[in-house]
């Protein structure tokens, strides 16, 4: 008599894990929308988690903050090279400014 592996159970587990992994980006966007990333304290890594913000723009945000001080309004991001009205609109609700 041959022993069989429990393939159906394994497949269910793998399928469940795959579904969870695929939903993580949407979940992280939901968390960001609820809490927002504070652009006055966020690291480059945190800023790159925002849509449309790569490492160069994240570094520019941090450099601008160091050179000019904290942002007082979200719209102050328009002063950062590479950030325009369209990108700022995408970030609406995902970022905050507090000291």
N, C-alpha and C. Protein backbone atom coordinates (compact mmCIF):
# COMPACT_ATOMS: atom_id res chain seq x y z
N UNK A 1 0.83 -1.18 0.00
CA UNK A 1 0.00 0.00 0.00
C UNK A 1 0.89 1.25 0.00
N UNK A 2 0.63 2.14 -0.94
CA UNK A 2 1.42 3.35 -1.08
C UNK A 2 0.85 4.46 -0.23
N UNK A 3 1.74 5.27 0.31
CA UNK A 3 1.31 6.43 1.09
C UNK A 3 1.24 7.64 0.16
N UNK A 4 0.22 8.42 0.29
CA UNK A 4 0.05 9.62 -0.53
C UNK A 4 0.25 10.87 0.32
N UNK A 5 0.84 11.83 -0.29
CA UNK A 5 0.94 13.13 0.38
C UNK A 5 -0.42 13.82 0.31
N UNK A 6 -0.65 14.64 1.24
CA UNK A 6 -1.94 15.35 1.26
C UNK A 6 -1.86 16.57 0.35
N UNK A 7 -1.88 16.35 -0.93
CA UNK A 7 -1.75 17.42 -1.91
C UNK A 7 -2.91 18.41 -1.83
N UNK A 8 -4.16 17.98 -1.74
CA UNK A 8 -5.24 18.97 -1.68
C UNK A 8 -5.07 19.98 -0.54
N UNK A 9 -4.68 19.52 0.64
CA UNK A 9 -4.47 20.43 1.77
C UNK A 9 -3.32 21.38 1.51
N UNK A 10 -2.28 20.89 0.89
CA UNK A 10 -1.13 21.73 0.56
C UNK A 10 -1.52 22.79 -0.46
N UNK A 11 -2.31 22.40 -1.44
CA UNK A 11 -2.75 23.35 -2.46
C UNK A 11 -3.62 24.45 -1.87
N UNK A 12 -4.47 24.09 -0.93
CA UNK A 12 -5.33 25.08 -0.26
C UNK A 12 -4.46 26.08 0.49
N UNK A 13 -3.46 25.58 1.19
CA UNK A 13 -2.56 26.44 1.95
C UNK A 13 -1.79 27.37 1.01
N UNK A 14 -1.25 26.82 -0.06
CA UNK A 14 -0.50 27.64 -1.01
C UNK A 14 -1.38 28.69 -1.69
N UNK A 15 -2.58 28.31 -2.04
CA UNK A 15 -3.52 29.25 -2.66
C UNK A 15 -3.88 30.37 -1.70
N UNK A 16 -4.11 30.02 -0.44
CA UNK A 16 -4.42 31.03 0.57
C UNK A 16 -3.26 32.00 0.75
N UNK A 17 -2.04 31.48 0.82
CA UNK A 17 -0.86 32.33 0.97
C UNK A 17 -0.68 33.25 -0.23
N UNK A 18 -0.90 32.71 -1.41
CA UNK A 18 -0.79 33.51 -2.62
C UNK A 18 -1.81 34.64 -2.63
N UNK A 19 -3.03 34.34 -2.25
CA UNK A 19 -4.08 35.38 -2.18
C UNK A 19 -3.72 36.47 -1.18
N UNK A 20 -3.18 36.07 -0.04
CA UNK A 20 -2.78 37.06 0.97
C UNK A 20 -1.66 37.94 0.45
N UNK A 21 -0.68 37.33 -0.22
CA UNK A 21 0.45 38.10 -0.74
C UNK A 21 -0.01 39.09 -1.81
N UNK A 22 -0.97 38.69 -2.62
CA UNK A 22 -1.46 39.57 -3.68
C UNK A 22 -2.27 40.73 -3.11
N UNK A 23 -2.86 40.55 -1.94
CA UNK A 23 -3.68 41.62 -1.37
C UNK A 23 -2.87 42.58 -0.51
N UNK A 24 -1.59 42.29 -0.23
CA UNK A 24 -0.78 43.16 0.61
C UNK A 24 -0.63 44.58 0.06
N UNK A 25 -0.36 44.78 -1.23
CA UNK A 25 -0.26 46.17 -1.70
C UNK A 25 -1.54 46.96 -1.49
N UNK A 26 -2.67 46.37 -1.75
CA UNK A 26 -3.94 47.08 -1.53
C UNK A 26 -4.16 47.36 -0.05
N UNK A 27 -3.79 46.40 0.78
CA UNK A 27 -3.92 46.57 2.22
C UNK A 27 -3.01 47.69 2.70
N UNK A 28 -1.77 47.73 2.21
CA UNK A 28 -0.86 48.78 2.65
C UNK A 28 -1.36 50.15 2.21
N UNK A 29 -1.96 50.25 1.02
CA UNK A 29 -2.52 51.53 0.58
C UNK A 29 -3.68 51.95 1.48
N UNK A 30 -4.48 50.98 1.93
CA UNK A 30 -5.59 51.29 2.83
C UNK A 30 -5.05 51.82 4.16
N UNK A 31 -4.01 51.18 4.68
CA UNK A 31 -3.42 51.64 5.94
C UNK A 31 -2.83 53.03 5.75
N UNK A 32 -2.14 53.25 4.62
CA UNK A 32 -1.59 54.58 4.37
C UNK A 32 -2.68 55.63 4.30
N UNK A 33 -3.78 55.29 3.66
CA UNK A 33 -4.87 56.25 3.53
C UNK A 33 -5.47 56.59 4.88
N UNK A 34 -5.49 55.61 5.79
CA UNK A 34 -6.08 55.85 7.10
C UNK A 34 -5.15 56.67 7.98
N UNK A 35 -3.87 56.35 7.97
CA UNK A 35 -2.93 57.01 8.86
C UNK A 35 -2.18 58.14 8.19
N UNK A 36 -1.77 57.95 6.96
CA UNK A 36 -0.98 58.94 6.24
C UNK A 36 0.46 58.90 6.67
N UNK A 37 1.32 59.24 5.74
CA UNK A 37 2.75 59.32 6.02
C UNK A 37 3.07 60.78 6.28
N UNK A 38 3.70 61.03 7.41
CA UNK A 38 4.09 62.38 7.77
C UNK A 38 5.34 62.74 6.98
N UNK A 39 5.22 63.66 6.03
CA UNK A 39 6.36 64.00 5.18
C UNK A 39 7.43 64.81 5.93
N UNK A 40 7.13 65.22 7.14
CA UNK A 40 8.13 65.93 7.95
C UNK A 40 9.03 64.98 8.74
N UNK A 41 8.63 63.73 8.87
CA UNK A 41 9.43 62.79 9.65
C UNK A 41 9.74 61.50 8.88
N UNK A 42 9.14 61.32 7.71
CA UNK A 42 9.29 60.07 6.97
C UNK A 42 10.71 59.90 6.44
N UNK A 43 11.16 58.66 6.46
CA UNK A 43 12.46 58.31 5.89
C UNK A 43 12.31 58.14 4.38
N UNK A 44 13.44 58.02 3.70
CA UNK A 44 13.42 57.78 2.26
C UNK A 44 12.65 56.50 1.96
N UNK A 45 12.88 55.45 2.75
CA UNK A 45 12.18 54.18 2.54
C UNK A 45 10.67 54.34 2.69
N UNK A 46 10.24 55.08 3.68
CA UNK A 46 8.81 55.30 3.87
C UNK A 46 8.22 56.11 2.72
N UNK A 47 8.94 57.10 2.27
CA UNK A 47 8.44 57.94 1.18
C UNK A 47 8.33 57.15 -0.13
N UNK A 48 9.25 56.23 -0.36
CA UNK A 48 9.20 55.45 -1.60
C UNK A 48 8.03 54.48 -1.62
N UNK A 49 7.36 54.28 -0.51
CA UNK A 49 6.18 53.42 -0.51
C UNK A 49 4.96 54.16 -1.08
N UNK A 50 5.10 55.45 -1.30
CA UNK A 50 4.01 56.25 -1.85
C UNK A 50 3.97 56.12 -3.37
N UNK A 51 2.79 56.16 -3.97
CA UNK A 51 2.70 56.06 -5.42
C UNK A 51 3.37 57.25 -6.12
N UNK A 52 4.20 56.95 -7.11
CA UNK A 52 4.87 58.00 -7.87
C UNK A 52 6.12 58.56 -7.24
N UNK A 53 6.49 58.05 -6.06
CA UNK A 53 7.69 58.53 -5.38
C UNK A 53 8.75 57.43 -5.42
N UNK A 54 9.77 57.67 -6.23
CA UNK A 54 10.90 56.76 -6.28
C UNK A 54 11.99 57.24 -5.34
N UNK A 55 13.13 56.60 -5.39
CA UNK A 55 14.20 56.97 -4.46
C UNK A 55 14.71 58.39 -4.70
N UNK A 56 14.79 58.82 -5.96
CA UNK A 56 15.30 60.18 -6.25
C UNK A 56 14.36 61.25 -5.68
N UNK A 57 13.06 61.08 -5.87
CA UNK A 57 12.11 62.07 -5.34
C UNK A 57 12.06 62.01 -3.82
N UNK A 58 12.15 60.82 -3.26
CA UNK A 58 12.16 60.69 -1.79
C UNK A 58 13.38 61.39 -1.21
N UNK A 59 14.51 61.21 -1.84
CA UNK A 59 15.73 61.88 -1.37
C UNK A 59 15.62 63.39 -1.52
N UNK A 60 14.96 63.83 -2.60
CA UNK A 60 14.76 65.28 -2.81
C UNK A 60 13.85 65.87 -1.73
N UNK A 61 12.84 65.11 -1.34
CA UNK A 61 11.93 65.56 -0.27
C UNK A 61 12.70 65.72 1.04
N UNK A 62 13.49 64.71 1.38
CA UNK A 62 14.27 64.76 2.63
C UNK A 62 15.28 65.90 2.57
N UNK A 63 15.96 66.08 1.43
CA UNK A 63 16.94 67.17 1.30
C UNK A 63 16.27 68.53 1.42
N UNK A 64 15.12 68.69 0.80
CA UNK A 64 14.38 69.96 0.89
C UNK A 64 13.99 70.24 2.34
N UNK A 65 13.55 69.20 3.01
CA UNK A 65 13.14 69.34 4.42
C UNK A 65 14.33 69.76 5.28
N UNK A 66 15.50 69.18 5.03
CA UNK A 66 16.70 69.53 5.81
C UNK A 66 17.16 70.96 5.52
N UNK A 67 17.04 71.36 4.26
CA UNK A 67 17.51 72.68 3.86
C UNK A 67 16.55 73.80 4.23
N UNK A 68 15.24 73.56 4.11
CA UNK A 68 14.25 74.61 4.29
C UNK A 68 13.39 74.46 5.54
N UNK A 69 13.55 73.39 6.26
CA UNK A 69 12.73 73.16 7.44
C UNK A 69 11.49 72.35 7.10
N UNK A 70 10.65 72.16 8.09
CA UNK A 70 9.48 71.30 7.93
C UNK A 70 8.48 71.90 6.96
N UNK A 71 7.68 71.03 6.37
CA UNK A 71 6.59 71.45 5.51
C UNK A 71 5.43 71.89 6.40
N UNK A 72 4.81 73.00 6.07
CA UNK A 72 3.68 73.45 6.87
C UNK A 72 2.35 73.03 6.26
N UNK A 73 2.36 72.80 4.95
CA UNK A 73 1.16 72.33 4.24
C UNK A 73 1.58 71.24 3.26
N UNK A 74 0.66 70.37 2.94
CA UNK A 74 0.93 69.32 1.96
C UNK A 74 1.34 69.95 0.63
N UNK A 75 0.72 71.06 0.27
CA UNK A 75 1.02 71.71 -1.00
C UNK A 75 2.44 72.25 -1.09
N UNK A 76 3.14 72.34 0.04
CA UNK A 76 4.54 72.77 0.04
C UNK A 76 5.41 71.77 -0.74
N UNK A 77 4.93 70.56 -0.93
CA UNK A 77 5.68 69.58 -1.71
C UNK A 77 5.90 70.05 -3.14
N UNK A 78 5.06 70.95 -3.62
CA UNK A 78 5.23 71.48 -4.98
C UNK A 78 6.55 72.22 -5.14
N UNK A 79 7.17 72.62 -4.04
CA UNK A 79 8.47 73.29 -4.09
C UNK A 79 9.60 72.31 -4.36
N UNK A 80 9.34 71.03 -4.23
CA UNK A 80 10.36 70.00 -4.44
C UNK A 80 10.43 69.67 -5.93
N UNK A 81 11.64 69.71 -6.49
CA UNK A 81 11.82 69.42 -7.91
C UNK A 81 11.28 68.03 -8.24
N UNK A 82 10.48 67.95 -9.29
CA UNK A 82 9.93 66.68 -9.74
C UNK A 82 8.54 66.37 -9.21
N UNK A 83 8.04 67.23 -8.33
CA UNK A 83 6.69 67.02 -7.79
C UNK A 83 5.79 68.13 -8.32
N UNK A 84 4.81 67.72 -9.10
CA UNK A 84 3.88 68.66 -9.69
C UNK A 84 2.47 68.42 -9.20
N UNK A 85 1.53 69.17 -9.71
CA UNK A 85 0.13 69.06 -9.27
C UNK A 85 -0.47 67.67 -9.46
N UNK A 86 -0.13 67.00 -10.57
CA UNK A 86 -0.69 65.66 -10.81
C UNK A 86 -0.23 64.66 -9.76
N UNK A 87 1.06 64.68 -9.45
CA UNK A 87 1.57 63.77 -8.43
C UNK A 87 1.01 64.12 -7.07
N UNK A 88 0.93 65.39 -6.77
CA UNK A 88 0.37 65.81 -5.48
C UNK A 88 -1.06 65.32 -5.33
N UNK A 89 -1.81 65.33 -6.41
CA UNK A 89 -3.18 64.83 -6.38
C UNK A 89 -3.23 63.34 -6.06
N UNK A 90 -2.27 62.58 -6.61
CA UNK A 90 -2.20 61.14 -6.31
C UNK A 90 -1.88 60.89 -4.84
N UNK A 91 -1.14 61.81 -4.24
CA UNK A 91 -0.72 61.64 -2.84
C UNK A 91 -1.77 62.13 -1.84
N UNK A 92 -2.78 62.81 -2.34
CA UNK A 92 -3.81 63.36 -1.47
C UNK A 92 -4.43 62.27 -0.61
N UNK A 93 -4.48 62.49 0.68
CA UNK A 93 -5.04 61.52 1.61
C UNK A 93 -4.04 60.49 2.09
N UNK A 94 -2.86 60.43 1.44
CA UNK A 94 -1.84 59.45 1.84
C UNK A 94 -0.74 60.08 2.66
N UNK A 95 -0.68 61.43 2.64
CA UNK A 95 0.39 62.11 3.37
C UNK A 95 -0.20 63.14 4.33
N UNK A 96 0.58 63.43 5.35
CA UNK A 96 0.20 64.45 6.32
C UNK A 96 1.41 65.32 6.61
N UNK A 97 1.17 66.46 7.22
CA UNK A 97 2.26 67.32 7.69
C UNK A 97 1.97 67.71 9.14
N UNK A 98 2.74 67.18 10.02
CA UNK A 98 2.70 67.57 11.42
C UNK A 98 4.14 67.65 11.90
N UNK A 99 4.36 68.40 12.95
CA UNK A 99 5.74 68.55 13.44
C UNK A 99 6.07 67.55 14.50
